[in-house]
Amino acid sequence: MKILDWRNRERIKITNNIMPNQILNDLKDSDIEYCVSDDLSWLPKNFDIILFKKNFLTEFKAIKCFHACSPTNLQSYFKDGLTGGNHEKNIKIFNNVFTDVPKNYRQKAIEEMGRGDEIQKTYFLCESENLIKRDGNFLIYGSEYLNTLASKLSHQRFSAEDFRERLKGRGIPTIIEVDINFSFLNDYQINNIINSSLSDWGNYYLGNKQLEELSIIVHEVLPASVIVNHWHPHEIHNPYNYGEWYIPKETTCSLCKK
């Protein structure tokens, strides 16, 4: 099984290998300046997207992704897999962390937040650097759902406390590396991967250096077998405090020692 690693620019050459030569020549001869994934009208009219998709899915069977979190029990990931959001569990944690906050304020935050659509939904980026250098909030504060609830408490202005700060240090900031088989992804996600691969291919050969960042959202439970590695960053950029680098108290866990 060949795994699509978005960090590796060799994937551009693989895309080119399954691309008819005439398509590349037609692209270079056109007046196209930039290629985008959400509108493939820049592709030559004789391009066979159905055949390309078939060849792409023959070449690649899975994609490498990275999930940022701050778990208090990392072992649950290796036991139960990546299960996505759990509304009831999050509300229980929220009430435990903010038990000293009057119930009416907590309840208002919960009602404003609503249930959302986070059940069995897990977010990934296809490279890990931005999870440390840009989107460090997932590593520092953990669950985005809890983070937003804490923020809604602060917005009620009954206290000067930034309630998000209480979520710091609850767990160990962790990046989980997974290889996700395409069978776990819906058609929209697969088409997005293929379209983004096409736009990166086009931009590369047009001389545009900036390639697309790719995110993946999985709408079902992923088994623990998809996990291939994990690690704990030693410093993380905090997007809520520009210029601050957060230094975790712990950068190893019991699973690191095995």
Protein backbone atom coordinates (compact mmCIF):
# COMPACT_ATOMS: atom_id res chain seq x y z
CA MET A 1 0.00 0.00 0.00
CA LYS A 2 1.54 3.33 -1.07
CA ILE A 3 0.85 6.13 1.40
CA LEU A 4 0.44 9.70 0.18
CA ASP A 5 2.77 11.88 2.25
CA TRP A 6 1.81 15.51 1.60
CA ARG A 7 5.14 16.74 3.02
CA ASN A 8 7.11 14.94 0.34
CA ARG A 9 7.34 16.87 -2.92
CA GLU A 10 8.14 13.64 -4.72
CA ARG A 11 4.36 13.21 -4.82
CA ILE A 12 4.33 15.87 -7.55
CA LYS A 13 6.44 13.59 -9.74
CA ILE A 14 4.12 10.66 -9.01
CA THR A 15 1.15 12.80 -10.07
CA ASN A 16 3.06 13.67 -13.22
CA ASN A 17 3.73 9.99 -13.92
CA ILE A 18 0.00 9.27 -14.15
CA MET A 19 -0.67 12.44 -16.14
CA PRO A 20 -0.75 12.25 -19.96
CA ASN A 21 2.24 14.18 -21.38
CA GLN A 22 0.03 16.25 -23.64
CA ILE A 23 -1.83 17.70 -20.63
CA LEU A 24 1.38 19.15 -19.19
CA ASN A 25 2.34 20.59 -22.57
CA ASP A 26 -1.12 22.14 -22.97
CA LEU A 27 -0.87 23.67 -19.48
CA LYS A 28 2.54 25.22 -20.17
CA ASP A 29 1.29 26.61 -23.48
CA SER A 30 -1.75 28.22 -21.83
CA ASP A 31 -1.93 31.66 -20.21
CA ILE A 32 -2.83 30.16 -16.82
CA GLU A 33 -0.91 31.86 -13.99
CA TYR A 34 -2.12 29.89 -10.97
CA CYS A 35 -4.00 26.64 -10.37
CA VAL A 36 -6.63 26.19 -7.65
CA SER A 37 -8.23 23.04 -6.28
CA ASP A 38 -11.81 24.29 -5.92
CA ASP A 39 -12.13 25.21 -9.59
CA LEU A 40 -10.42 22.88 -12.09
CA SER A 41 -11.41 24.92 -15.14
CA TRP A 42 -7.69 25.69 -15.62
CA LEU A 43 -7.18 22.09 -16.75
CA PRO A 44 -7.17 21.49 -20.53
CA LYS A 45 -10.60 20.52 -21.86
CA ASN A 46 -9.34 17.14 -23.03
CA PHE A 47 -8.29 16.14 -19.50
CA ASP A 48 -10.01 12.94 -18.36
CA ILE A 49 -10.65 13.51 -14.63
CA ILE A 50 -12.38 10.13 -14.22
CA LEU A 51 -9.40 8.23 -15.60
CA PHE A 52 -6.98 10.31 -13.55
CA LYS A 53 -8.94 9.62 -10.36
CA LYS A 54 -8.90 5.89 -11.12
CA ASN A 55 -5.13 5.93 -11.68
CA PHE A 56 -4.57 8.05 -8.57
CA LEU A 57 -6.50 5.64 -6.35
CA THR A 58 -4.56 2.75 -7.86
CA GLU A 59 -1.31 4.51 -6.98
CA PHE A 60 -2.30 5.62 -3.46
CA LYS A 61 -4.38 3.74 -0.89
CA ALA A 62 -3.92 5.92 2.19
CA ILE A 63 -2.80 9.36 3.32
CA LYS A 64 -0.49 10.37 6.18
CA CYS A 65 -2.05 12.85 8.61
CA PHE A 66 -1.34 14.48 11.97
CA HIS A 67 -3.73 15.15 14.85
CA ALA A 68 -2.91 17.63 17.63
CA CYS A 69 -4.33 17.12 21.11
CA SER A 70 -3.52 17.37 24.82
CA PRO A 71 -4.86 14.11 26.30
CA THR A 72 -4.90 13.23 29.96
CA ASN A 73 -5.01 9.58 28.91
CA LEU A 74 -3.12 8.94 25.68
CA GLN A 75 -3.50 5.19 26.15
CA SER A 76 -7.20 5.50 25.25
CA TYR A 77 -6.18 6.43 21.69
CA PHE A 78 -4.13 3.25 21.39
CA LYS A 79 -6.98 1.23 22.88
CA ASP A 80 -10.14 2.79 21.41
CA GLY A 81 -8.72 4.63 18.41
CA LEU A 82 -9.66 8.17 17.40
CA THR A 83 -13.31 8.44 18.29
CA GLY A 84 -14.00 12.09 17.50
CA GLY A 85 -16.01 14.47 19.67
CA ASN A 86 -18.18 13.32 22.55
CA HIS A 87 -20.64 15.96 23.72
CA GLU A 88 -21.57 14.35 27.05
CA LYS A 89 -17.93 13.67 27.95
CA ASN A 90 -16.91 17.23 27.09
CA ILE A 91 -19.71 18.73 29.18
CA LYS A 92 -18.68 16.56 32.14
CA ILE A 93 -15.06 17.71 31.85
CA PHE A 94 -16.20 21.34 31.46
CA ASN A 95 -18.28 21.20 34.63
CA ASN A 96 -15.44 19.53 36.55
CA VAL A 97 -12.82 22.06 35.47
CA PHE A 98 -15.08 25.04 36.15
CA THR A 99 -16.97 23.65 39.14
CA ASP A 100 -16.40 26.90 41.08
CA VAL A 101 -18.12 28.96 38.39
CA PRO A 102 -21.82 29.51 39.18
CA LYS A 103 -24.01 27.01 37.36
CA ASN A 104 -26.03 29.64 35.54
CA TYR A 105 -22.93 30.97 33.78
CA ARG A 106 -21.80 27.47 32.82
CA GLN A 107 -25.27 26.60 31.56
CA LYS A 108 -25.44 29.74 29.45
CA ALA A 109 -22.11 28.87 27.82
CA ILE A 110 -23.34 25.34 27.09
CA GLU A 111 -26.61 26.60 25.60
CA GLU A 112 -24.80 29.13 23.41
CA MET A 113 -22.42 26.45 22.21
CA GLY A 114 -25.07 23.86 21.45
CA ARG A 115 -24.23 20.30 20.51
CA GLY A 116 -22.67 21.29 17.21
CA ASP A 117 -21.74 18.51 14.81
CA GLU A 118 -18.58 17.25 16.49
CA ILE A 119 -19.75 13.70 17.18
CA GLN A 120 -17.37 11.22 15.53
CA LYS A 121 -15.45 13.99 13.79
CA THR A 122 -11.66 14.20 13.99
CA TYR A 123 -9.51 16.91 12.42
CA PHE A 124 -6.09 16.36 10.84
CA LEU A 125 -3.47 18.33 8.96
CA CYS A 126 -1.29 16.57 6.41
CA GLU A 127 1.88 18.07 7.82
CA SER A 128 2.83 18.64 11.44
CA GLU A 129 4.85 21.86 11.49
CA ASN A 130 1.86 24.24 11.46
CA LEU A 131 0.36 22.37 14.41
CA ILE A 132 3.37 23.57 16.39
CA LYS A 133 4.25 26.88 14.77
CA ARG A 134 0.77 28.25 13.94
CA ASP A 135 -2.17 26.22 15.32
CA GLY A 136 -0.64 25.50 18.71
CA ASN A 137 -3.93 26.04 20.53
CA PHE A 138 -4.91 22.39 19.96
CA LEU A 139 -1.72 21.24 21.68
CA ILE A 140 -1.80 23.80 24.48
CA TYR A 141 -5.51 23.92 25.34
CA GLY A 142 -6.74 20.60 23.98
CA SER A 143 -10.32 20.13 22.79
CA GLU A 144 -11.57 22.97 20.61
CA TYR A 145 -15.06 22.36 22.00
CA LEU A 146 -13.86 22.85 25.60
CA ASN A 147 -11.74 25.78 24.53
CA THR A 148 -14.75 27.52 22.99
CA LEU A 149 -16.89 26.83 26.07
CA ALA A 150 -14.20 28.42 28.26
CA SER A 151 -14.07 31.41 25.94
CA LYS A 152 -17.85 31.83 26.20
CA LEU A 153 -17.49 31.96 29.98
CA SER A 154 -14.99 34.81 29.63
CA HIS A 155 -17.30 36.68 27.23
CA GLN A 156 -19.97 36.83 29.95
CA ARG A 157 -17.64 39.24 31.79
CA PHE A 158 -18.61 38.24 35.31
CA SER A 159 -14.90 37.78 36.01
CA ALA A 160 -11.61 39.17 34.72
CA GLU A 161 -10.23 35.64 34.43
CA ASP A 162 -9.39 34.22 31.00
CA PHE A 163 -10.99 30.84 31.60
CA ARG A 164 -9.14 29.23 28.70
CA GLU A 165 -5.98 29.39 30.80
CA ARG A 166 -7.38 26.69 33.09
CA LEU A 167 -7.21 24.22 30.22
CA LYS A 168 -3.44 24.60 29.95
CA GLY A 169 -1.47 21.71 31.37
CA ARG A 170 -4.44 19.36 31.82
CA GLY A 171 -2.78 16.81 29.58
CA ILE A 172 0.44 16.32 27.64
CA PRO A 173 0.60 18.15 24.30
CA THR A 174 0.75 15.38 21.71
CA ILE A 175 0.93 15.00 17.96
CA ILE A 176 -0.46 11.70 16.73
CA GLU A 177 0.71 10.50 13.32
CA VAL A 178 -1.72 8.28 11.43
CA ASP A 179 -1.96 6.59 8.05
CA ILE A 180 -5.61 6.74 7.01
CA ASN A 181 -6.84 4.33 4.38
CA PHE A 182 -9.05 6.03 1.80
CA SER A 183 -11.83 3.59 2.74
CA PHE A 184 -12.34 5.71 5.89
CA LEU A 185 -12.91 8.88 3.87
CA ASN A 186 -16.05 10.01 2.08
CA ASP A 187 -16.13 10.95 -1.60
CA TYR A 188 -15.87 14.67 -0.82
CA GLN A 189 -12.64 14.17 1.12
CA ILE A 190 -11.14 11.91 -1.54
CA ASN A 191 -12.03 14.35 -4.32
CA ASN A 192 -10.52 17.18 -2.28
CA ILE A 193 -7.24 15.23 -1.97
CA ILE A 194 -7.18 14.52 -5.71
CA ASN A 195 -8.11 18.09 -6.69
CA SER A 196 -5.45 19.50 -4.34
CA SER A 197 -2.89 17.11 -5.83
CA LEU A 198 -3.82 18.36 -9.28
CA SER A 199 -3.51 22.04 -8.31
CA ASP A 200 -0.14 21.42 -6.65
CA TRP A 201 1.04 19.57 -9.75
CA GLY A 202 -0.06 22.44 -11.99
CA ASN A 203 1.47 25.15 -9.78
CA TYR A 204 4.74 23.25 -9.50
CA TYR A 205 5.18 23.09 -13.26
CA LEU A 206 4.06 26.71 -13.68
CA GLY A 207 6.81 27.75 -11.27
CA ASN A 208 4.59 28.66 -8.32
CA LYS A 209 6.44 27.65 -5.16
CA GLN A 210 3.57 27.87 -2.67
CA LEU A 211 1.75 24.55 -2.56
CA GLU A 212 -1.58 23.87 -0.85
CA GLU A 213 -2.02 22.99 2.79
CA LEU A 214 -4.32 20.01 3.13
CA SER A 215 -6.62 19.18 6.03
CA ILE A 216 -8.69 16.07 6.51
CA ILE A 217 -11.88 15.61 8.53
CA VAL A 218 -12.87 12.05 9.35
CA HIS A 219 -16.53 11.46 10.18
CA GLU A 220 -16.22 8.05 11.82
CA VAL A 221 -14.23 6.24 14.47
CA LEU A 222 -10.71 5.38 13.33
CA PRO A 223 -9.24 2.17 14.81
CA ALA A 224 -6.03 2.35 16.82
CA SER A 225 -4.30 0.44 14.01
CA VAL A 226 -4.06 3.67 11.97
CA ILE A 227 -1.66 5.19 14.53
CA VAL A 228 1.96 4.85 13.46
CA ASN A 229 3.70 7.28 15.81
CA HIS A 230 3.28 9.98 18.43
CA TRP A 231 5.47 12.64 20.00
CA HIS A 232 5.36 15.60 22.36
CA PRO A 233 6.68 19.00 21.19
CA HIS A 234 9.14 20.76 23.50
CA GLU A 235 7.83 24.24 22.62
CA ILE A 236 4.63 25.41 20.95
CA HIS A 237 3.60 28.76 19.52
CA ASN A 238 0.54 30.13 21.31
CA PRO A 239 -1.74 31.85 18.76
CA TYR A 240 -3.70 33.47 21.59
CA ASN A 241 -0.63 35.35 22.82
CA TYR A 242 1.31 36.51 19.80
CA GLY A 243 5.03 35.85 20.12
CA GLU A 244 4.76 33.57 23.14
CA TRP A 245 6.19 30.07 22.96
CA TYR A 246 4.58 27.71 25.42
CA ILE A 247 6.91 25.26 27.15
CA PRO A 248 5.04 22.11 28.25
CA LYS A 249 5.75 20.73 31.69
CA GLU A 250 5.92 17.21 30.27
CA THR A 251 7.31 16.04 26.96
CA THR A 252 7.23 12.29 27.51
CA CYS A 253 4.52 9.83 28.49
CA SER A 254 4.36 6.21 29.62
CA LEU A 255 3.95 5.09 26.02
CA CYS A 256 7.16 6.88 24.99
CA LYS A 257 9.12 4.61 27.30
CA LYS A 258 7.84 1.38 25.78
